[in-house]
N, C-alpha and C. Protein backbone atom coordinates (compact mmCIF):
# COMPACT_ATOMS: atom_id res chain seq x y z
N MET A 1 -39.72 -47.43 -20.64
CA MET A 1 -38.48 -47.58 -19.87
C MET A 1 -37.47 -46.48 -20.26
N GLN A 2 -37.35 -46.28 -21.57
CA GLN A 2 -36.43 -45.26 -22.08
C GLN A 2 -36.84 -43.87 -21.61
N ARG A 3 -38.20 -43.66 -21.64
CA ARG A 3 -38.72 -42.37 -21.21
C ARG A 3 -38.44 -42.13 -19.73
N CYS A 4 -38.57 -43.15 -18.91
CA CYS A 4 -38.31 -43.04 -17.47
C CYS A 4 -36.85 -42.73 -17.21
N ARG A 5 -35.98 -43.39 -17.98
CA ARG A 5 -34.54 -43.16 -17.82
C ARG A 5 -34.18 -41.71 -18.17
N GLN A 6 -34.75 -41.19 -19.25
CA GLN A 6 -34.48 -39.80 -19.65
C GLN A 6 -34.98 -38.83 -18.59
N SER A 7 -36.18 -39.13 -18.03
CA SER A 7 -36.75 -38.27 -17.00
C SER A 7 -35.86 -38.24 -15.76
N LEU A 8 -35.33 -39.43 -15.38
CA LEU A 8 -34.44 -39.52 -14.23
C LEU A 8 -33.16 -38.73 -14.46
N LEU A 9 -32.60 -38.86 -15.66
CA LEU A 9 -31.37 -38.13 -15.98
C LEU A 9 -31.59 -36.63 -15.96
N GLN A 10 -32.75 -36.18 -16.44
CA GLN A 10 -33.07 -34.75 -16.43
C GLN A 10 -33.17 -34.22 -15.01
N LYS A 11 -33.81 -35.03 -14.13
CA LYS A 11 -33.93 -34.62 -12.74
C LYS A 11 -32.56 -34.51 -12.06
N LEU A 12 -31.70 -35.51 -12.34
CA LEU A 12 -30.36 -35.50 -11.75
C LEU A 12 -29.55 -34.31 -12.26
N ALA A 13 -29.69 -34.03 -13.55
CA ALA A 13 -28.98 -32.90 -14.15
C ALA A 13 -29.43 -31.59 -13.51
N GLY A 14 -30.78 -31.49 -13.30
CA GLY A 14 -31.32 -30.28 -12.69
C GLY A 14 -30.82 -30.09 -11.27
N ARG A 15 -30.77 -31.19 -10.51
CA ARG A 15 -30.28 -31.10 -9.14
C ARG A 15 -28.79 -30.75 -9.09
N ARG A 16 -28.05 -31.31 -10.05
CA ARG A 16 -26.61 -31.01 -10.11
C ARG A 16 -26.38 -29.53 -10.41
N PHE A 17 -27.20 -28.98 -11.31
CA PHE A 17 -27.08 -27.56 -11.64
C PHE A 17 -27.35 -26.69 -10.42
N LEU A 18 -28.42 -27.06 -9.67
CA LEU A 18 -28.76 -26.29 -8.47
C LEU A 18 -27.66 -26.37 -7.43
N LEU A 19 -27.04 -27.56 -7.28
CA LEU A 19 -25.96 -27.74 -6.32
C LEU A 19 -24.77 -26.86 -6.68
N VAL A 20 -24.39 -26.86 -7.95
CA VAL A 20 -23.27 -26.03 -8.40
C VAL A 20 -23.57 -24.56 -8.19
N ALA A 21 -24.82 -24.16 -8.50
CA ALA A 21 -25.22 -22.75 -8.33
C ALA A 21 -25.10 -22.33 -6.87
N TRP A 22 -25.56 -23.19 -5.95
CA TRP A 22 -25.46 -22.88 -4.53
C TRP A 22 -24.02 -22.79 -4.07
N LEU A 23 -23.18 -23.67 -4.58
CA LEU A 23 -21.76 -23.64 -4.21
C LEU A 23 -21.11 -22.33 -4.66
N VAL A 24 -21.47 -21.87 -5.85
CA VAL A 24 -20.92 -20.61 -6.36
C VAL A 24 -21.36 -19.44 -5.49
N VAL A 25 -22.64 -19.47 -5.06
CA VAL A 25 -23.16 -18.39 -4.23
C VAL A 25 -22.53 -18.40 -2.84
N LEU A 26 -22.42 -19.61 -2.26
CA LEU A 26 -21.94 -19.72 -0.89
C LEU A 26 -20.43 -19.63 -0.78
N PHE A 27 -19.71 -20.08 -1.81
CA PHE A 27 -18.25 -20.12 -1.72
C PHE A 27 -17.62 -19.48 -2.96
N PRO A 28 -17.76 -18.14 -3.11
CA PRO A 28 -17.19 -17.47 -4.29
C PRO A 28 -15.70 -17.22 -4.09
N ILE A 29 -14.93 -18.31 -3.94
CA ILE A 29 -13.52 -18.22 -3.56
C ILE A 29 -12.71 -17.46 -4.59
N ALA A 30 -12.84 -17.86 -5.83
CA ALA A 30 -12.01 -17.25 -6.86
C ALA A 30 -12.31 -15.78 -7.02
N ALA A 31 -13.63 -15.42 -6.95
CA ALA A 31 -14.01 -14.03 -7.21
C ALA A 31 -13.61 -13.12 -6.07
N GLN A 32 -13.58 -13.64 -4.82
CA GLN A 32 -13.34 -12.79 -3.68
C GLN A 32 -12.04 -13.14 -2.95
N ALA A 33 -11.13 -13.80 -3.60
CA ALA A 33 -9.86 -14.17 -2.96
C ALA A 33 -9.10 -12.91 -2.55
N THR A 34 -8.53 -12.95 -1.35
CA THR A 34 -7.76 -11.81 -0.85
C THR A 34 -6.46 -11.70 -1.64
N PRO A 35 -6.15 -10.51 -2.16
CA PRO A 35 -4.90 -10.34 -2.92
C PRO A 35 -3.69 -10.65 -2.05
N GLY A 36 -2.70 -11.33 -2.62
CA GLY A 36 -1.48 -11.64 -1.90
C GLY A 36 -0.52 -10.47 -1.89
N PRO A 37 0.63 -10.62 -1.23
CA PRO A 37 1.59 -9.52 -1.12
C PRO A 37 2.00 -8.90 -2.46
N THR A 38 2.40 -9.73 -3.41
CA THR A 38 2.86 -9.19 -4.70
C THR A 38 1.71 -8.52 -5.45
N GLU A 39 0.50 -9.09 -5.36
CA GLU A 39 -0.65 -8.50 -6.04
C GLU A 39 -0.96 -7.11 -5.50
N VAL A 40 -0.83 -6.95 -4.18
CA VAL A 40 -1.08 -5.65 -3.55
C VAL A 40 -0.08 -4.61 -4.05
N ILE A 41 1.20 -4.98 -4.11
CA ILE A 41 2.24 -4.06 -4.57
C ILE A 41 2.10 -3.80 -6.07
N ARG A 42 1.75 -4.81 -6.82
CA ARG A 42 1.55 -4.64 -8.26
C ARG A 42 0.42 -3.63 -8.53
N HIS A 43 -0.65 -3.75 -7.75
CA HIS A 43 -1.79 -2.83 -7.91
C HIS A 43 -1.37 -1.40 -7.53
N PHE A 44 -0.65 -1.28 -6.42
CA PHE A 44 -0.17 0.04 -5.98
C PHE A 44 0.72 0.68 -7.04
N CYS A 45 1.67 -0.08 -7.55
CA CYS A 45 2.59 0.45 -8.56
C CYS A 45 1.87 0.78 -9.87
N GLY A 46 0.85 0.01 -10.20
CA GLY A 46 0.07 0.30 -11.39
C GLY A 46 -0.64 1.64 -11.29
N GLN A 47 -1.19 1.91 -10.10
CA GLN A 47 -1.85 3.20 -9.88
C GLN A 47 -0.83 4.34 -9.85
N LEU A 48 0.33 4.05 -9.28
CA LEU A 48 1.40 5.04 -9.24
C LEU A 48 1.88 5.38 -10.65
N LEU A 49 1.99 4.37 -11.48
CA LEU A 49 2.42 4.59 -12.87
C LEU A 49 1.40 5.44 -13.62
N ASP A 50 0.12 5.22 -13.36
CA ASP A 50 -0.92 6.02 -14.01
C ASP A 50 -0.79 7.49 -13.62
N VAL A 51 -0.49 7.76 -12.35
CA VAL A 51 -0.29 9.13 -11.89
C VAL A 51 0.94 9.74 -12.56
N MET A 52 2.00 8.95 -12.68
CA MET A 52 3.21 9.42 -13.35
C MET A 52 2.93 9.82 -14.80
N GLN A 53 2.13 9.01 -15.47
CA GLN A 53 1.84 9.25 -16.88
C GLN A 53 1.00 10.51 -17.09
N HIS A 54 0.28 10.93 -16.06
CA HIS A 54 -0.55 12.14 -16.16
C HIS A 54 -0.03 13.24 -15.23
N ALA A 55 1.24 13.13 -14.85
CA ALA A 55 1.81 14.02 -13.83
C ALA A 55 1.72 15.49 -14.20
N THR A 56 2.06 15.83 -15.43
CA THR A 56 2.08 17.23 -15.84
C THR A 56 0.68 17.83 -15.81
N THR A 57 -0.28 17.08 -16.32
CA THR A 57 -1.67 17.57 -16.33
C THR A 57 -2.21 17.73 -14.92
N LEU A 58 -1.88 16.80 -14.05
CA LEU A 58 -2.40 16.82 -12.69
C LEU A 58 -1.77 17.92 -11.84
N GLY A 59 -0.48 18.13 -12.02
CA GLY A 59 0.24 19.05 -11.15
C GLY A 59 0.47 18.42 -9.79
N ALA A 60 1.20 19.09 -8.93
CA ALA A 60 1.58 18.52 -7.63
C ALA A 60 0.35 18.21 -6.77
N ARG A 61 -0.57 19.15 -6.67
CA ARG A 61 -1.76 18.93 -5.83
C ARG A 61 -2.70 17.89 -6.43
N GLY A 62 -2.79 17.87 -7.75
CA GLY A 62 -3.60 16.86 -8.41
C GLY A 62 -3.05 15.46 -8.18
N ARG A 63 -1.72 15.35 -8.25
CA ARG A 63 -1.09 14.05 -7.97
C ARG A 63 -1.34 13.64 -6.53
N TYR A 64 -1.26 14.61 -5.63
CA TYR A 64 -1.53 14.32 -4.22
C TYR A 64 -2.95 13.79 -4.04
N GLN A 65 -3.92 14.46 -4.64
CA GLN A 65 -5.32 14.06 -4.49
C GLN A 65 -5.57 12.66 -5.05
N LYS A 66 -4.90 12.32 -6.15
CA LYS A 66 -5.05 10.99 -6.73
C LYS A 66 -4.37 9.93 -5.86
N LEU A 67 -3.24 10.29 -5.29
CA LEU A 67 -2.45 9.32 -4.53
C LEU A 67 -2.93 9.12 -3.09
N GLU A 68 -3.60 10.11 -2.54
CA GLU A 68 -3.98 10.04 -1.12
C GLU A 68 -4.78 8.77 -0.79
N PRO A 69 -5.88 8.46 -1.48
CA PRO A 69 -6.61 7.22 -1.14
C PRO A 69 -5.80 5.96 -1.45
N ILE A 70 -4.91 6.04 -2.43
CA ILE A 70 -4.07 4.89 -2.79
C ILE A 70 -3.08 4.59 -1.66
N VAL A 71 -2.43 5.63 -1.16
CA VAL A 71 -1.46 5.48 -0.07
C VAL A 71 -2.17 5.04 1.21
N LEU A 72 -3.33 5.64 1.51
CA LEU A 72 -4.06 5.28 2.72
C LEU A 72 -4.49 3.81 2.70
N GLY A 73 -4.78 3.29 1.51
CA GLY A 73 -5.19 1.90 1.40
C GLY A 73 -4.04 0.92 1.40
N ALA A 74 -2.91 1.32 0.82
CA ALA A 74 -1.78 0.40 0.65
C ALA A 74 -0.84 0.37 1.84
N PHE A 75 -0.79 1.45 2.62
CA PHE A 75 0.18 1.57 3.71
C PHE A 75 -0.50 1.46 5.07
N ASP A 76 0.15 0.78 6.00
CA ASP A 76 -0.32 0.68 7.38
C ASP A 76 0.22 1.90 8.13
N LEU A 77 -0.41 3.05 7.90
CA LEU A 77 0.12 4.32 8.41
C LEU A 77 0.13 4.42 9.94
N PRO A 78 -0.90 3.93 10.65
CA PRO A 78 -0.82 3.97 12.12
C PRO A 78 0.39 3.21 12.66
N PHE A 79 0.66 2.04 12.08
CA PHE A 79 1.83 1.26 12.51
C PHE A 79 3.12 2.01 12.21
N MET A 80 3.21 2.58 11.00
CA MET A 80 4.42 3.29 10.60
C MET A 80 4.63 4.53 11.46
N ALA A 81 3.55 5.22 11.80
CA ALA A 81 3.66 6.39 12.68
C ALA A 81 4.12 5.97 14.07
N ARG A 82 3.59 4.84 14.56
CA ARG A 82 3.98 4.36 15.89
C ARG A 82 5.45 3.99 15.94
N LEU A 83 5.92 3.26 14.92
CA LEU A 83 7.32 2.86 14.90
C LEU A 83 8.25 4.06 14.72
N SER A 84 7.80 5.04 13.95
CA SER A 84 8.63 6.21 13.69
C SER A 84 8.77 7.12 14.90
N THR A 85 7.76 7.13 15.77
CA THR A 85 7.83 7.98 16.96
C THR A 85 8.47 7.27 18.14
N GLY A 86 8.69 5.97 18.03
CA GLY A 86 9.41 5.23 19.06
C GLY A 86 8.67 5.18 20.39
N SER A 87 9.41 5.31 21.48
CA SER A 87 8.84 5.15 22.83
C SER A 87 7.83 6.25 23.17
N SER A 88 7.87 7.35 22.44
CA SER A 88 6.94 8.46 22.71
C SER A 88 5.49 8.05 22.46
N TRP A 89 5.27 7.07 21.58
CA TRP A 89 3.92 6.66 21.20
C TRP A 89 3.07 6.24 22.40
N GLY A 90 3.66 5.50 23.32
CA GLY A 90 2.92 5.00 24.47
C GLY A 90 2.41 6.09 25.40
N LYS A 91 2.98 7.27 25.31
CA LYS A 91 2.59 8.38 26.19
C LYS A 91 1.54 9.28 25.55
N LEU A 92 1.18 9.00 24.30
CA LEU A 92 0.26 9.89 23.58
C LEU A 92 -1.20 9.57 23.89
N SER A 93 -2.04 10.60 23.81
CA SER A 93 -3.49 10.40 23.93
C SER A 93 -4.01 9.80 22.63
N THR A 94 -5.24 9.32 22.65
CA THR A 94 -5.86 8.74 21.45
C THR A 94 -5.92 9.79 20.34
N ASP A 95 -6.25 11.02 20.70
CA ASP A 95 -6.34 12.09 19.70
C ASP A 95 -4.98 12.41 19.11
N GLN A 96 -3.95 12.41 19.93
CA GLN A 96 -2.60 12.69 19.43
C GLN A 96 -2.13 11.58 18.49
N LYS A 97 -2.44 10.34 18.82
CA LYS A 97 -2.08 9.22 17.94
C LYS A 97 -2.77 9.35 16.59
N ARG A 98 -4.04 9.75 16.62
CA ARG A 98 -4.79 9.92 15.37
C ARG A 98 -4.18 11.05 14.54
N ARG A 99 -3.83 12.15 15.19
CA ARG A 99 -3.32 13.31 14.45
C ARG A 99 -1.91 13.07 13.91
N VAL A 100 -1.07 12.35 14.66
CA VAL A 100 0.27 12.08 14.16
C VAL A 100 0.22 11.09 13.00
N ALA A 101 -0.70 10.11 13.07
CA ALA A 101 -0.87 9.17 11.95
C ALA A 101 -1.39 9.90 10.71
N GLN A 102 -2.30 10.84 10.93
CA GLN A 102 -2.85 11.63 9.82
C GLN A 102 -1.76 12.49 9.19
N ALA A 103 -0.96 13.15 10.02
CA ALA A 103 0.13 13.99 9.52
C ALA A 103 1.18 13.14 8.81
N TYR A 104 1.45 11.97 9.34
CA TYR A 104 2.40 11.06 8.72
C TYR A 104 1.90 10.65 7.34
N GLY A 105 0.59 10.38 7.24
CA GLY A 105 0.00 10.02 5.96
C GLY A 105 0.07 11.16 4.96
N ARG A 106 -0.19 12.37 5.41
CA ARG A 106 -0.10 13.55 4.52
C ARG A 106 1.32 13.70 3.97
N TYR A 107 2.29 13.58 4.87
CA TYR A 107 3.68 13.74 4.47
C TYR A 107 4.11 12.63 3.51
N THR A 108 3.73 11.39 3.80
CA THR A 108 4.08 10.26 2.94
C THR A 108 3.49 10.44 1.55
N THR A 109 2.23 10.84 1.48
CA THR A 109 1.57 11.05 0.19
C THR A 109 2.23 12.19 -0.58
N ALA A 110 2.57 13.26 0.12
CA ALA A 110 3.24 14.40 -0.53
C ALA A 110 4.61 14.00 -1.09
N VAL A 111 5.32 13.15 -0.37
CA VAL A 111 6.62 12.66 -0.85
C VAL A 111 6.44 11.89 -2.15
N TYR A 112 5.46 11.01 -2.21
CA TYR A 112 5.22 10.24 -3.44
C TYR A 112 4.76 11.15 -4.58
N ALA A 113 3.93 12.14 -4.27
CA ALA A 113 3.46 13.07 -5.30
C ALA A 113 4.60 13.88 -5.89
N THR A 114 5.63 14.13 -5.08
CA THR A 114 6.79 14.91 -5.53
C THR A 114 7.84 14.01 -6.19
N ARG A 115 8.02 12.84 -5.61
CA ARG A 115 9.06 11.93 -6.11
C ARG A 115 8.71 11.37 -7.49
N PHE A 116 7.45 11.07 -7.71
CA PHE A 116 7.01 10.50 -8.98
C PHE A 116 6.23 11.57 -9.76
N ASP A 117 6.97 12.53 -10.26
CA ASP A 117 6.37 13.73 -10.84
C ASP A 117 6.46 13.80 -12.36
N GLY A 118 6.70 12.68 -13.02
CA GLY A 118 6.78 12.68 -14.47
C GLY A 118 6.92 11.27 -15.01
N TYR A 119 6.85 11.16 -16.30
CA TYR A 119 6.94 9.84 -16.94
C TYR A 119 7.73 9.96 -18.24
N SER A 120 8.71 9.07 -18.39
CA SER A 120 9.50 9.05 -19.63
C SER A 120 9.82 7.60 -20.03
N GLY A 121 8.81 6.74 -19.85
CA GLY A 121 8.98 5.35 -20.26
C GLY A 121 9.37 4.40 -19.16
N GLU A 122 9.30 4.83 -17.90
CA GLU A 122 9.65 3.93 -16.79
C GLU A 122 8.66 2.77 -16.70
N ARG A 123 9.11 1.69 -16.10
CA ARG A 123 8.22 0.54 -15.86
C ARG A 123 8.62 -0.13 -14.55
N PHE A 124 7.65 -0.79 -13.95
CA PHE A 124 7.89 -1.53 -12.71
C PHE A 124 8.03 -3.01 -13.02
N GLU A 125 8.94 -3.66 -12.33
CA GLU A 125 9.12 -5.10 -12.45
C GLU A 125 9.07 -5.71 -11.06
N PHE A 126 8.52 -6.91 -10.97
CA PHE A 126 8.34 -7.59 -9.69
C PHE A 126 9.15 -8.87 -9.68
N LEU A 127 10.02 -8.99 -8.67
CA LEU A 127 11.07 -10.00 -8.69
C LEU A 127 10.87 -11.14 -7.69
N GLY A 128 9.70 -11.17 -7.06
CA GLY A 128 9.44 -12.28 -6.14
C GLY A 128 9.24 -11.83 -4.71
N GLU A 129 9.00 -12.81 -3.84
CA GLU A 129 8.74 -12.57 -2.43
C GLU A 129 9.75 -13.32 -1.56
N GLN A 130 9.96 -12.77 -0.37
CA GLN A 130 10.82 -13.44 0.61
C GLN A 130 10.16 -13.35 1.98
N LYS A 131 9.91 -14.48 2.60
CA LYS A 131 9.34 -14.49 3.94
C LYS A 131 10.38 -14.00 4.94
N ILE A 132 9.99 -13.04 5.75
CA ILE A 132 10.88 -12.54 6.80
C ILE A 132 10.15 -12.62 8.14
N LYS A 133 10.85 -12.26 9.21
CA LYS A 133 10.32 -12.47 10.55
C LYS A 133 8.99 -11.76 10.78
N ARG A 134 8.87 -10.53 10.28
CA ARG A 134 7.68 -9.73 10.58
C ARG A 134 6.73 -9.57 9.41
N GLY A 135 6.87 -10.41 8.38
CA GLY A 135 5.97 -10.30 7.24
C GLY A 135 6.58 -10.89 5.99
N THR A 136 6.37 -10.22 4.88
CA THR A 136 6.87 -10.66 3.58
C THR A 136 7.52 -9.49 2.87
N MET A 137 8.69 -9.72 2.31
CA MET A 137 9.38 -8.70 1.53
C MET A 137 9.05 -8.93 0.06
N VAL A 138 8.42 -7.94 -0.56
CA VAL A 138 8.13 -8.00 -1.99
C VAL A 138 9.23 -7.23 -2.70
N LYS A 139 9.98 -7.94 -3.53
CA LYS A 139 11.10 -7.33 -4.23
C LYS A 139 10.64 -6.79 -5.58
N SER A 140 10.97 -5.54 -5.84
CA SER A 140 10.59 -4.94 -7.12
C SER A 140 11.67 -3.96 -7.55
N GLN A 141 11.52 -3.46 -8.73
CA GLN A 141 12.41 -2.41 -9.22
C GLN A 141 11.68 -1.55 -10.23
N ILE A 142 12.09 -0.29 -10.28
CA ILE A 142 11.60 0.58 -11.33
C ILE A 142 12.73 0.74 -12.33
N VAL A 143 12.43 0.47 -13.57
CA VAL A 143 13.44 0.55 -14.63
C VAL A 143 13.29 1.90 -15.33
N LYS A 144 14.35 2.69 -15.28
CA LYS A 144 14.32 4.01 -15.89
C LYS A 144 14.32 3.91 -17.42
N SER A 145 14.08 5.02 -18.06
CA SER A 145 14.00 5.04 -19.53
C SER A 145 15.32 4.64 -20.18
N ASP A 146 16.44 4.83 -19.46
CA ASP A 146 17.74 4.44 -20.02
C ASP A 146 18.09 2.99 -19.70
N GLY A 147 17.16 2.28 -19.06
CA GLY A 147 17.38 0.87 -18.75
C GLY A 147 17.97 0.62 -17.37
N GLU A 148 18.32 1.66 -16.63
CA GLU A 148 18.89 1.48 -15.29
C GLU A 148 17.82 1.06 -14.30
N PRO A 149 18.00 -0.08 -13.61
CA PRO A 149 17.02 -0.51 -12.61
C PRO A 149 17.33 0.07 -11.23
N VAL A 150 16.29 0.45 -10.50
CA VAL A 150 16.44 0.94 -9.13
C VAL A 150 15.57 0.06 -8.24
N SER A 151 16.19 -0.61 -7.28
CA SER A 151 15.45 -1.52 -6.41
C SER A 151 14.56 -0.77 -5.42
N ILE A 152 13.32 -1.21 -5.30
CA ILE A 152 12.40 -0.71 -4.29
C ILE A 152 11.70 -1.93 -3.70
N ASN A 153 12.06 -2.27 -2.48
CA ASN A 153 11.48 -3.44 -1.83
C ASN A 153 10.46 -3.02 -0.78
N TYR A 154 9.36 -3.74 -0.70
CA TYR A 154 8.27 -3.40 0.21
C TYR A 154 8.11 -4.50 1.26
N MET A 155 8.17 -4.11 2.52
CA MET A 155 7.89 -5.05 3.60
C MET A 155 6.40 -4.95 3.91
N VAL A 156 5.66 -6.03 3.67
CA VAL A 156 4.22 -6.01 3.88
C VAL A 156 3.84 -7.00 4.97
N HIS A 157 2.73 -6.70 5.62
CA HIS A 157 2.25 -7.53 6.74
C HIS A 157 0.75 -7.73 6.58
N ASP A 158 0.29 -8.91 6.92
CA ASP A 158 -1.13 -9.24 6.83
C ASP A 158 -1.82 -8.85 8.13
N ASN A 159 -2.67 -7.81 8.06
CA ASN A 159 -3.39 -7.38 9.26
C ASN A 159 -4.89 -7.49 9.03
N ALA A 160 -5.69 -6.81 9.85
CA ALA A 160 -7.15 -6.92 9.75
C ALA A 160 -7.67 -6.39 8.42
N VAL A 161 -6.96 -5.47 7.81
CA VAL A 161 -7.37 -4.89 6.53
C VAL A 161 -6.99 -5.79 5.37
N GLY A 162 -5.86 -6.45 5.49
CA GLY A 162 -5.28 -7.25 4.40
C GLY A 162 -3.79 -7.00 4.39
N TRP A 163 -3.14 -7.32 3.29
CA TRP A 163 -1.71 -7.06 3.18
C TRP A 163 -1.47 -5.56 2.99
N GLN A 164 -0.69 -4.96 3.89
CA GLN A 164 -0.36 -3.54 3.80
C GLN A 164 1.13 -3.32 3.99
N VAL A 165 1.63 -2.25 3.39
CA VAL A 165 3.05 -1.90 3.48
C VAL A 165 3.36 -1.35 4.86
N ARG A 166 4.46 -1.84 5.46
CA ARG A 166 4.91 -1.33 6.74
C ARG A 166 6.29 -0.69 6.66
N ASP A 167 6.98 -0.91 5.57
CA ASP A 167 8.28 -0.26 5.36
C ASP A 167 8.65 -0.37 3.90
N VAL A 168 9.44 0.58 3.44
CA VAL A 168 9.92 0.59 2.06
C VAL A 168 11.43 0.70 2.11
N TYR A 169 12.11 -0.14 1.33
CA TYR A 169 13.57 -0.15 1.29
C TYR A 169 14.03 0.38 -0.07
N LEU A 170 14.50 1.62 -0.08
CA LEU A 170 15.00 2.22 -1.30
C LEU A 170 16.38 1.67 -1.63
N THR A 171 16.64 1.47 -2.89
CA THR A 171 17.85 0.80 -3.40
C THR A 171 18.00 -0.59 -2.76
N GLY A 172 16.89 -1.09 -2.23
CA GLY A 172 16.89 -2.45 -1.70
C GLY A 172 17.26 -2.60 -0.25
N THR A 173 17.95 -1.60 0.33
CA THR A 173 18.48 -1.79 1.68
C THR A 173 18.20 -0.65 2.65
N ILE A 174 17.88 0.55 2.16
CA ILE A 174 17.71 1.72 3.02
C ILE A 174 16.26 1.79 3.51
N SER A 175 16.06 1.55 4.79
CA SER A 175 14.73 1.53 5.38
C SER A 175 14.20 2.96 5.56
N GLU A 176 13.08 3.26 4.93
CA GLU A 176 12.47 4.58 5.11
C GLU A 176 11.99 4.75 6.55
N LEU A 177 11.51 3.69 7.16
CA LEU A 177 11.01 3.76 8.52
C LEU A 177 12.15 4.10 9.49
N ALA A 178 13.30 3.47 9.31
CA ALA A 178 14.45 3.75 10.17
C ALA A 178 14.96 5.17 9.96
N THR A 179 14.96 5.61 8.71
CA THR A 179 15.41 6.98 8.39
C THR A 179 14.50 8.00 9.06
N ARG A 180 13.20 7.81 8.95
CA ARG A 180 12.27 8.76 9.55
C ARG A 180 12.31 8.72 11.07
N ARG A 181 12.50 7.54 11.63
CA ARG A 181 12.58 7.45 13.09
C ARG A 181 13.77 8.27 13.59
N SER A 182 14.87 8.23 12.87
CA SER A 182 16.05 9.01 13.24
C SER A 182 15.77 10.51 13.12
N GLU A 183 15.08 10.89 12.04
CA GLU A 183 14.75 12.31 11.83
C GLU A 183 13.77 12.81 12.90
N PHE A 184 12.78 11.99 13.20
CA PHE A 184 11.74 12.40 14.14
C PHE A 184 12.26 12.50 15.57
N ALA A 185 13.26 11.70 15.90
CA ALA A 185 13.78 11.67 17.28
C ALA A 185 14.28 13.05 17.70
N THR A 186 14.94 13.76 16.80
CA THR A 186 15.47 15.09 17.11
C THR A 186 14.33 16.06 17.38
N ILE A 187 13.29 16.01 16.56
CA ILE A 187 12.14 16.90 16.73
C ILE A 187 11.42 16.59 18.03
N LEU A 188 11.24 15.30 18.33
CA LEU A 188 10.54 14.90 19.54
C LEU A 188 11.30 15.33 20.79
N ARG A 189 12.61 15.26 20.76
CA ARG A 189 13.41 15.67 21.92
C ARG A 189 13.31 17.17 22.18
N SER A 190 13.27 17.94 21.10
CA SER A 190 13.28 19.40 21.26
C SER A 190 11.89 20.02 21.43
N GLY A 191 10.86 19.41 20.80
CA GLY A 191 9.54 20.05 20.85
C GLY A 191 8.37 19.16 21.18
N GLY A 192 8.60 17.86 21.30
CA GLY A 192 7.51 16.95 21.63
C GLY A 192 6.64 16.61 20.43
N ILE A 193 5.55 15.91 20.71
CA ILE A 193 4.71 15.38 19.64
C ILE A 193 4.02 16.48 18.84
N GLU A 194 3.62 17.57 19.50
CA GLU A 194 2.94 18.64 18.78
C GLU A 194 3.88 19.28 17.76
N ALA A 195 5.13 19.38 18.10
CA ALA A 195 6.12 19.93 17.16
C ALA A 195 6.29 18.99 15.97
N LEU A 196 6.27 17.68 16.23
CA LEU A 196 6.40 16.71 15.14
C LEU A 196 5.21 16.79 14.19
N ILE A 197 4.00 16.86 14.75
CA ILE A 197 2.80 16.96 13.91
C ILE A 197 2.85 18.21 13.05
N ALA A 198 3.22 19.32 13.67
CA ALA A 198 3.30 20.58 12.93
C ALA A 198 4.36 20.51 11.84
N GLN A 199 5.49 19.88 12.15
CA GLN A 199 6.58 19.78 11.18
C GLN A 199 6.20 18.89 9.99
N LEU A 200 5.51 17.79 10.26
CA LEU A 200 5.09 16.90 9.17
C LEU A 200 4.12 17.61 8.24
N ASN A 201 3.16 18.33 8.81
CA ASN A 201 2.20 19.07 7.97
C ASN A 201 2.88 20.20 7.21
N LYS A 202 3.84 20.84 7.85
CA LYS A 202 4.59 21.91 7.19
C LYS A 202 5.40 21.37 6.00
N LYS A 203 6.04 20.23 6.20
CA LYS A 203 6.82 19.62 5.13
C LYS A 203 5.92 19.19 3.97
N ALA A 204 4.75 18.65 4.30
CA ALA A 204 3.81 18.25 3.25
C ALA A 204 3.36 19.46 2.45
N ASP A 205 3.04 20.54 3.13
CA ASP A 205 2.61 21.76 2.44
C ASP A 205 3.72 22.31 1.56
N ALA A 206 4.98 22.28 2.04
CA ALA A 206 6.11 22.80 1.26
C ALA A 206 6.34 21.97 0.01
N LEU A 207 6.17 20.64 0.10
CA LEU A 207 6.36 19.78 -1.06
C LEU A 207 5.32 20.04 -2.15
N LEU A 208 4.13 20.46 -1.72
CA LEU A 208 3.04 20.66 -2.68
C LEU A 208 2.89 22.11 -3.13
N ALA A 209 3.72 22.99 -2.58
CA ALA A 209 3.62 24.42 -2.94
C ALA A 209 4.04 24.66 -4.39
């Protein structure tokens, strides 16, 4: 009787192990959970900090090369290019939309490669999230070596790729998207989309020279 009971318990234990194993295989929730808004920004800032710490060794072009895939992954560049070009976007061909988004990405990456060109003890801090109409605002700040904090807030949106940045608010309130839309409007009025693409690439090249 005792032997039968032990045999039954062993069989149940074996089946339980198999059930758990199948659940892990079929539902790897913890291992493959989609990063949330703050996690995405934390990862981006961590990579940015690494570039800052090696800025001198990398040089401007080296920083650009390191940051390019990071920016392309973290930012919704087609959306940002569309919003920055305003009503002109609807009149563009598929190829023009691709090229303006590409030029916008080059310029954005070059700006980051130039703006974060050294390290003297800075650190990033993350201050929470705020749900807004078009996504989530991730509040953060970079603390300078002298202790002065500078607010950098990221508006992120959940799209087919995951959570991506759609706007950055410097000092907490100045929208980079609104600033660029204002700058681009003048170029679009005077020279059209081809002039804007050329100007974005020219600015990127000048920043990395």
